[in-house]
C-alpha atoms as a PDB file:
ATOM      1  CA  MET A   1    -188.407 -31.536   8.543  1.00  0.00           C
ATOM      2  CA  THR A   2    -186.320 -28.586   7.381  1.00  0.00           C
ATOM      3  CA  ASP A   3    -185.625 -30.262   4.057  1.00  0.00           C
ATOM      4  CA  GLU A   4    -189.317 -30.887   3.542  1.00  0.00           C
ATOM      5  CA  LEU A   5    -190.147 -27.263   4.282  1.00  0.00           C
ATOM      6  CA  ASN A   6    -187.470 -26.068   1.880  1.00  0.00           C
ATOM      7  CA  GLU A   7    -188.802 -28.411  -0.787  1.00  0.00           C
ATOM      8  CA  LEU A   8    -192.357 -27.173  -0.226  1.00  0.00           C
ATOM      9  CA  ARG A   9    -191.192 -23.571  -0.316  1.00  0.00           C
ATOM     10  CA  GLY A  10    -189.340 -24.225  -3.551  1.00  0.00           C
ATOM     11  CA  ARG A  11    -192.404 -25.787  -5.162  1.00  0.00           C
ATOM     12  CA  LEU A  12    -194.580 -22.872  -4.099  1.00  0.00           C
ATOM     13  CA  LEU A  13    -192.111 -20.310  -5.383  1.00  0.00           C
ATOM     14  CA  SER A  14    -191.757 -22.124  -8.698  1.00  0.00           C
ATOM     15  CA  ASP A  15    -195.503 -21.762  -9.275  1.00  0.00           C
ATOM     16  CA  LEU A  16    -195.428 -17.995  -8.858  1.00  0.00           C
ATOM     17  CA  VAL A  17    -195.770 -15.939 -12.023  1.00  0.00           C
ATOM     18  CA  PRO A  18    -195.135 -12.188 -12.350  1.00  0.00           C
ATOM     19  CA  VAL A  19    -198.244 -10.014 -12.600  1.00  0.00           C
ATOM     20  CA  GLN A  20    -198.631  -6.541 -13.987  1.00  0.00           C
ATOM     21  CA  ARG A  21    -199.169  -3.867 -11.366  1.00  0.00           C
ATOM     22  CA  VAL A  22    -202.679  -2.398 -11.499  1.00  0.00           C
ATOM     23  CA  LEU A  23    -202.982   1.378 -11.369  1.00  0.00           C
ATOM     24  CA  PRO A  24    -205.017   2.975  -8.556  1.00  0.00           C
ATOM     25  CA  ALA A  25    -208.746   2.918  -9.297  1.00  0.00           C
ATOM     26  CA  THR A  26    -209.129   6.693  -8.937  1.00  0.00           C
ATOM     27  CA  LEU A  27    -206.359   7.366 -11.452  1.00  0.00           C
ATOM     28  CA  VAL A  28    -207.820   4.846 -13.872  1.00  0.00           C
ATOM     29  CA  ALA A  29    -211.240   6.467 -13.539  1.00  0.00           C
ATOM     30  CA  LEU A  30    -209.867   9.926 -14.304  1.00  0.00           C
ATOM     31  CA  LEU A  31    -207.873   8.639 -17.276  1.00  0.00           C
ATOM     32  CA  TRP A  32    -210.970   6.841 -18.554  1.00  0.00           C
ATOM     33  CA  LEU A  33    -213.069   9.965 -18.093  1.00  0.00           C
ATOM     34  CA  GLY A  34    -210.596  12.236 -19.870  1.00  0.00           C
ATOM     35  CA  ALA A  35    -210.242   9.870 -22.822  1.00  0.00           C
ATOM     36  CA  SER A  36    -214.016   9.339 -23.031  1.00  0.00           C
ATOM     37  CA  VAL A  37    -214.720  13.077 -23.060  1.00  0.00           C
ATOM     38  CA  LEU A  38    -212.123  13.639 -25.791  1.00  0.00           C
ATOM     39  CA  TYR A  39    -213.553  10.769 -27.824  1.00  0.00           C
ATOM     40  CA  VAL A  40    -217.159  11.946 -27.551  1.00  0.00           C
ATOM     41  CA  LEU A  41    -216.337  15.586 -28.292  1.00  0.00           C
ATOM     42  CA  ALA A  42    -214.146  14.627 -31.248  1.00  0.00           C
ATOM     43  CA  ILE A  43    -216.944  12.568 -32.833  1.00  0.00           C
ATOM     44  CA  MET A  44    -219.567  15.220 -32.100  1.00  0.00           C
ATOM     45  CA  LEU A  45    -217.479  18.036 -33.561  1.00  0.00           C
ATOM     46  CA  TRP A  46    -216.622  15.902 -36.570  1.00  0.00           C
ATOM     47  CA  ILE A  47    -220.344  15.500 -37.257  1.00  0.00           C
ATOM     48  CA  GLY A  48    -221.146  19.163 -36.588  1.00  0.00           C
ATOM     49  CA  PRO A  49    -220.014  22.298 -34.725  1.00  0.00           C
ATOM     50  CA  LEU A  50    -220.899  23.472 -31.247  1.00  0.00           C
ATOM     51  CA  ARG A  51    -224.224  25.207 -30.880  1.00  0.00           C
ATOM     52  CA  PRO A  52    -223.672  28.825 -31.978  1.00  0.00           C
ATOM     53  CA  GLY A  53    -223.182  30.990 -28.883  1.00  0.00           C
ATOM     54  CA  ALA A  54    -222.913  28.039 -26.474  1.00  0.00           C
ATOM     55  CA  LEU A  55    -219.603  29.147 -24.969  1.00  0.00           C
ATOM     56  CA  GLN A  56    -220.868  32.701 -24.637  1.00  0.00           C
ATOM     57  CA  GLN A  57    -223.968  31.373 -22.845  1.00  0.00           C
ATOM     58  CA  LEU A  58    -221.719  29.552 -20.382  1.00  0.00           C
ATOM     59  CA  MET A  59    -219.991  32.819 -19.516  1.00  0.00           C
ATOM     60  CA  GLU A  60    -223.037  35.109 -19.508  1.00  0.00           C
ATOM     61  CA  TYR A  61    -225.698  33.007 -17.771  1.00  0.00           C
ATOM     62  CA  PRO A  62    -224.728  31.861 -14.236  1.00  0.00           C
ATOM     63  CA  ARG A  63    -227.628  29.399 -14.029  1.00  0.00           C
ATOM     64  CA  PHE A  64    -226.471  27.621 -17.165  1.00  0.00           C
ATOM     65  CA  THR A  65    -222.926  27.582 -15.797  1.00  0.00           C
ATOM     66  CA  ALA A  66    -224.169  26.116 -12.493  1.00  0.00           C
ATOM     67  CA  GLU A  67    -226.211  23.565 -14.425  1.00  0.00           C
ATOM     68  CA  MET A  68    -223.164  22.389 -16.376  1.00  0.00           C
ATOM     69  CA  LEU A  69    -220.846  22.398 -13.354  1.00  0.00           C
ATOM     70  CA  SER A  70    -223.252  20.286 -11.297  1.00  0.00           C
ATOM     71  CA  GLY A  71    -223.531  17.781 -14.142  1.00  0.00           C
ATOM     72  CA  VAL A  72    -219.772  17.615 -14.607  1.00  0.00           C
ATOM     73  CA  GLY A  73    -219.273  17.200 -10.848  1.00  0.00           C
ATOM     74  CA  SER A  74    -221.753  14.335 -10.791  1.00  0.00           C
ATOM     75  CA  LEU A  75    -219.986  12.696 -13.733  1.00  0.00           C
ATOM     76  CA  VAL A  76    -216.589  12.865 -12.015  1.00  0.00           C
ATOM     77  CA  CYS A  77    -217.901  11.451  -8.733  1.00  0.00           C
ATOM     78  CA  LEU A  78    -219.832   8.605 -10.344  1.00  0.00           C
ATOM     79  CA  SER A  79    -216.905   7.730 -12.637  1.00  0.00           C
ATOM     80  CA  VAL A  80    -214.493   7.400  -9.721  1.00  0.00           C
ATOM     81  CA  ALA A  81    -217.071   5.506  -7.653  1.00  0.00           C
ATOM     82  CA  ALA A  82    -217.771   3.088 -10.516  1.00  0.00           C
ATOM     83  CA  MET A  83    -214.090   2.189 -10.796  1.00  0.00           C
ATOM     84  CA  ARG A  84    -213.563   1.977  -7.037  1.00  0.00           C
ATOM     85  CA  MET A  85    -216.451  -0.475  -6.774  1.00  0.00           C
ATOM     86  CA  ALA A  86    -214.292  -2.993  -8.621  1.00  0.00           C
ATOM     87  CA  VAL A  87    -211.831  -2.940  -5.690  1.00  0.00           C
ATOM     88  CA  PRO A  88    -213.191  -4.766  -2.621  1.00  0.00           C
ATOM     89  CA  GLY A  89    -213.213  -2.551   0.445  1.00  0.00           C
ATOM     90  CA  SER A  90    -212.618   0.680  -1.454  1.00  0.00           C
ATOM     91  CA  PRO A  91    -214.723   3.541   0.013  1.00  0.00           C
ATOM     92  CA  THR A  92    -217.432   4.862  -2.303  1.00  0.00           C
ATOM     93  CA  ARG A  93    -220.241   6.016  -0.008  1.00  0.00           C
ATOM     94  CA  MET A  94    -219.364   9.731   0.044  1.00  0.00           C
ATOM     95  CA  LEU A  95    -218.610   9.752  -3.681  1.00  0.00           C
ATOM     96  CA  LEU A  96    -221.995   8.228  -4.451  1.00  0.00           C
ATOM     97  CA  LEU A  97    -223.779  10.629  -2.129  1.00  0.00           C
ATOM     98  CA  LEU A  98    -222.078  13.623  -3.725  1.00  0.00           C
ATOM     99  CA  GLY A  99    -222.555  12.219  -7.232  1.00  0.00           C
ATOM    100  CA  TRP A 100    -226.283  11.651  -6.763  1.00  0.00           C
ATOM    101  CA  THR A 101    -226.729  15.045  -5.096  1.00  0.00           C
ATOM    102  CA  LEU A 102    -224.981  16.898  -7.914  1.00  0.00           C
ATOM    103  CA  GLY A 103    -226.867  14.805 -10.470  1.00  0.00           C
ATOM    104  CA  ALA A 104    -230.166  15.782  -8.834  1.00  0.00           C
ATOM    105  CA  VAL A 105    -229.096  19.434  -8.928  1.00  0.00           C
ATOM    106  CA  TRP A 106    -228.263  19.093 -12.632  1.00  0.00           C
ATOM    107  CA  VAL A 107    -231.628  17.535 -13.495  1.00  0.00           C
ATOM    108  CA  GLY A 108    -233.350  20.009 -11.168  1.00  0.00           C
ATOM    109  CA  HIS A 109    -231.900  22.946 -13.117  1.00  0.00           C
ATOM    110  CA  ILE A 110    -233.297  21.463 -16.324  1.00  0.00           C
ATOM    111  CA  VAL A 111    -236.722  20.810 -14.796  1.00  0.00           C
ATOM    112  CA  VAL A 112    -236.926  24.355 -13.402  1.00  0.00           C
ATOM    113  CA  GLY A 113    -236.028  25.518 -16.893  1.00  0.00           C
ATOM    114  CA  LEU A 114    -239.367  24.189 -18.104  1.00  0.00           C
ATOM    115  CA  TRP A 115    -240.894  27.291 -16.480  1.00  0.00           C
ATOM    116  CA  LEU A 116    -237.883  29.570 -15.920  1.00  0.00           C
ATOM    117  CA  PRO A 117    -235.170  28.783 -18.486  1.00  0.00           C
ATOM    118  CA  PRO A 118    -231.758  30.425 -17.985  1.00  0.00           C
ATOM    119  CA  PHE A 119    -232.104  31.921 -21.483  1.00  0.00           C
ATOM    120  CA  ALA A 120    -234.620  31.734 -24.293  1.00  0.00           C
ATOM    121  CA  PRO A 121    -234.924  28.150 -25.612  1.00  0.00           C
ATOM    122  CA  SER A 122    -234.480  27.740 -29.330  1.00  0.00           C
ATOM    123  CA  MET A 123    -233.886  25.126 -32.005  1.00  0.00           C
ATOM    124  CA  LEU A 124    -230.498  26.621 -32.805  1.00  0.00           C
ATOM    125  CA  GLY A 125    -227.960  23.799 -33.213  1.00  0.00           C
ATOM    126  CA  LYS A 126    -230.589  21.045 -33.298  1.00  0.00           C
ATOM    127  CA  ARG A 127    -229.327  17.619 -34.357  1.00  0.00           C
ATOM    128  CA  GLU A 128    -231.955  15.460 -36.009  1.00  0.00           C
ATOM    129  CA  TRP A 129    -230.679  12.167 -34.601  1.00  0.00           C
ATOM    130  CA  CYS A 130    -229.241  13.315 -31.281  1.00  0.00           C
ATOM    131  CA  VAL A 131    -231.093  10.655 -29.274  1.00  0.00           C
ATOM    132  CA  PHE A 132    -229.445   7.896 -31.309  1.00  0.00           C
ATOM    133  CA  GLU A 133    -226.100   9.697 -31.110  1.00  0.00           C
ATOM    134  CA  ALA A 134    -226.375   9.752 -27.321  1.00  0.00           C
ATOM    135  CA  TYR A 135    -226.700   5.964 -27.213  1.00  0.00           C
ATOM    136  CA  LEU A 136    -224.009   5.287 -29.801  1.00  0.00           C
ATOM    137  CA  TYR A 137    -221.467   7.613 -28.204  1.00  0.00           C
ATOM    138  CA  SER A 138    -221.929   5.819 -24.881  1.00  0.00           C
ATOM    139  CA  VAL A 139    -221.117   2.332 -26.126  1.00  0.00           C
ATOM    140  CA  PRO A 140    -217.295   2.516 -26.574  1.00  0.00           C
ATOM    141  CA  PRO A 141    -216.691   4.310 -23.223  1.00  0.00           C
ATOM    142  CA  LEU A 142    -219.016   1.834 -21.510  1.00  0.00           C
ATOM    143  CA  ALA A 143    -217.275  -1.185 -23.020  1.00  0.00           C
ATOM    144  CA  TRP A 144    -213.906   0.216 -21.974  1.00  0.00           C
ATOM    145  CA  ALA A 145    -215.136   0.936 -18.434  1.00  0.00           C
ATOM    146  CA  LEU A 146    -216.476  -2.613 -18.059  1.00  0.00           C
ATOM    147  CA  TRP A 147    -213.168  -4.024 -19.274  1.00  0.00           C
ATOM    148  CA  LEU A 148    -211.252  -1.894 -16.779  1.00  0.00           C
ATOM    149  CA  GLN A 149    -213.553  -3.024 -13.980  1.00  0.00           C
ATOM    150  CA  ARG A 150    -213.102  -6.683 -14.884  1.00  0.00           C
ATOM    151  CA  ARG A 151    -209.342  -6.306 -14.486  1.00  0.00           C
ATOM    152  CA  ARG A 152    -209.972  -5.914 -10.777  1.00  0.00           C
ATOM    153  CA  TYR A 153    -212.193  -8.031  -8.517  1.00  0.00           C
ATOM    154  CA  VAL A 154    -215.867  -7.204  -8.928  1.00  0.00           C
ATOM    155  CA  LEU A 155    -217.961  -8.600  -6.080  1.00  0.00           C
ATOM    156  CA  ASP A 156    -221.233  -6.865  -6.994  1.00  0.00           C
ATOM    157  CA  PRO A 157    -221.396  -6.959 -10.807  1.00  0.00           C
ATOM    158  CA  MET A 158    -224.910  -5.541 -11.207  1.00  0.00           C
ATOM    159  CA  ARG A 159    -224.261  -2.450  -9.082  1.00  0.00           C
ATOM    160  CA  THR A 160    -220.784  -1.944 -10.516  1.00  0.00           C
ATOM    161  CA  THR A 161    -221.828  -2.146 -14.167  1.00  0.00           C
ATOM    162  CA  LEU A 162    -224.868   0.040 -13.514  1.00  0.00           C
ATOM    163  CA  TYR A 163    -222.674   2.894 -12.305  1.00  0.00           C
ATOM    164  CA  ALA A 164    -220.303   2.393 -15.215  1.00  0.00           C
ATOM    165  CA  ALA A 165    -223.307   2.796 -17.535  1.00  0.00           C
ATOM    166  CA  LEU A 166    -224.440   5.947 -15.713  1.00  0.00           C
ATOM    167  CA  ALA A 167    -220.993   7.500 -16.096  1.00  0.00           C
ATOM    168  CA  ALA A 168    -220.707   6.481 -19.753  1.00  0.00           C
ATOM    169  CA  GLY A 169    -224.155   7.871 -20.523  1.00  0.00           C
ATOM    170  CA  LEU A 170    -223.504  11.172 -18.769  1.00  0.00           C
ATOM    171  CA  VAL A 171    -220.549  12.000 -21.026  1.00  0.00           C
ATOM    172  CA  PRO A 172    -222.591  12.532 -24.233  1.00  0.00           C
ATOM    173  CA  ALA A 173    -225.566  13.880 -22.252  1.00  0.00           C
ATOM    174  CA  LEU A 174    -223.491  16.756 -20.891  1.00  0.00           C
ATOM    175  CA  ALA A 175    -221.682  17.336 -24.178  1.00  0.00           C
ATOM    176  CA  MET A 176    -225.031  17.625 -25.948  1.00  0.00           C
ATOM    177  CA  GLN A 177    -225.896  20.637 -23.799  1.00  0.00           C
ATOM    178  CA  VAL A 178    -223.324  22.733 -25.660  1.00  0.00           C
ATOM    179  CA  VAL A 179    -223.583  20.935 -28.999  1.00  0.00           C
ATOM    180  CA  CYS A 180    -227.291  20.358 -29.572  1.00  0.00           C
ATOM    181  CA  MET A 181    -230.255  22.734 -29.181  1.00  0.00           C
ATOM    182  CA  TYR A 182    -231.095  24.063 -25.719  1.00  0.00           C
ATOM    183  CA  ASP A 183    -234.695  23.365 -24.807  1.00  0.00           C
ATOM    184  CA  PRO A 184    -235.535  21.773 -21.428  1.00  0.00           C
ATOM    185  CA  VAL A 185    -238.172  19.439 -22.860  1.00  0.00           C
ATOM    186  CA  HIS A 186    -235.810  18.270 -25.595  1.00  0.00           C
ATOM    187  CA  ILE A 187    -232.964  17.831 -23.093  1.00  0.00           C
ATOM    188  CA  LEU A 188    -235.035  15.719 -20.718  1.00  0.00           C
ATOM    189  CA  GLU A 189    -236.413  13.521 -23.481  1.00  0.00           C
ATOM    190  CA  PHE A 190    -233.361  13.058 -25.689  1.00  0.00           C
ATOM    191  CA  HIS A 191    -230.293  13.800 -23.532  1.00  0.00           C
ATOM    192  CA  VAL A 192    -231.175  12.821 -19.961  1.00  0.00           C
ATOM    193  CA  ALA A 193    -233.575   9.915 -20.592  1.00  0.00           C
ATOM    194  CA  PRO A 194    -230.960   7.878 -22.555  1.00  0.00           C
ATOM    195  CA  VAL A 195    -228.693   7.918 -19.476  1.00  0.00           C
ATOM    196  CA  ALA A 196    -231.368   6.239 -17.363  1.00  0.00           C
ATOM    197  CA  ALA A 197    -232.336   3.871 -20.185  1.00  0.00           C
ATOM    198  CA  LEU A 198    -228.729   2.782 -20.742  1.00  0.00           C
ATOM    199  CA  ALA A 199    -228.142   2.186 -17.027  1.00  0.00           C
ATOM    200  CA  ALA A 200    -231.395   0.213 -16.732  1.00  0.00           C
ATOM    201  CA  ALA A 201    -230.548  -1.930 -19.767  1.00  0.00           C
ATOM    202  CA  VAL A 202    -227.026  -2.689 -18.570  1.00  0.00           C
ATOM    203  CA  GLY A 203    -228.205  -3.420 -15.036  1.00  0.00           C
ATOM    204  CA  ALA A 204    -230.945  -5.734 -16.294  1.00  0.00           C
ATOM    205  CA  GLY A 205    -228.545  -7.474 -18.672  1.00  0.00           C
ATOM    206  CA  THR A 206    -226.027  -8.039 -15.887  1.00  0.00           C
ATOM    207  CA  TRP A 207    -228.761  -9.411 -13.628  1.00  0.00           C
ATOM    208  CA  ILE A 208    -229.942 -11.843 -16.319  1.00  0.00           C
ATOM    209  CA  VAL A 209    -226.400 -13.044 -17.034  1.00  0.00           C
ATOM    210  CA  GLY A 210    -225.834 -13.456 -13.304  1.00  0.00           C
ATOM    211  CA  ARG A 211    -228.972 -15.578 -12.974  1.00  0.00           C
ATOM    212  CA  LEU A 212    -228.024 -17.786 -15.910  1.00  0.00           C
ATOM    213  CA  THR A 213    -224.365 -18.076 -14.925  1.00  0.00           C
ATOM    214  CA  PRO A 214    -223.621 -17.531 -11.221  1.00  0.00           C
ATOM    215  CA  TYR A 215    -220.856 -14.986 -10.848  1.00  0.00           C
ATOM    216  CA  ALA A 216    -218.904 -17.207  -8.473  1.00  0.00           C
ATOM    217  CA  THR A 217    -218.732 -19.870 -11.166  1.00  0.00           C
ATOM    218  CA  VAL A 218    -217.558 -17.347 -13.740  1.00  0.00           C
ATOM    219  CA  ARG A 219    -214.899 -16.024 -11.364  1.00  0.00           C
ATOM    220  CA  GLU A 220    -213.753 -19.583 -10.572  1.00  0.00           C
ATOM    221  CA  LYS A 221    -213.382 -20.365 -14.252  1.00  0.00           C
ATOM    222  CA  ARG A 222    -211.348 -17.198 -14.812  1.00  0.00           C
ATOM    223  CA  THR A 223    -208.922 -18.101 -12.044  1.00  0.00           C
END
């Protein structure tokens, strides 16, 4: 009996292959976020400069500063939550609650600005094709985020990819607030709306793929 156990143990051990250690999801999310921000800003500044006076507006107008900080806070929370969702059992509830709350505060600042803007809206810094830029800038960070998620074990692909799309879309949306013109109507239509549209498209696409090819089957084939 002992010989048989040793033989079985030997066969099992011979089938083992070394695997690369996966970094913690939170660290991966922060690295992804930092690289995505640098990428988006580099492309934006290569195309054109910051809006004249944007940095001064950040320092002189507390409401604009609060608007940006709430958006950045939402981006950080949703980015970490999106990556943690790819790890079964990883807590995300508080991150999502905080991310959605800060996101609502960010959009709320912009909506209030329709009647009481933090400073006089103008067309200074306007980019003719900013709505298309917002979509294009989101694609590489989104593709990278989805790849990073797939390296883990995604149990709820639709929800996971949807949050990855939200985070990827928020990066250019927030950057546009200091690069493109500041006008609440313009921001809602061409900076904020693409975030929702991208998330909806990715979520719908994931749902369709899941219906055509059950995720369990895909996961089985991968293993």
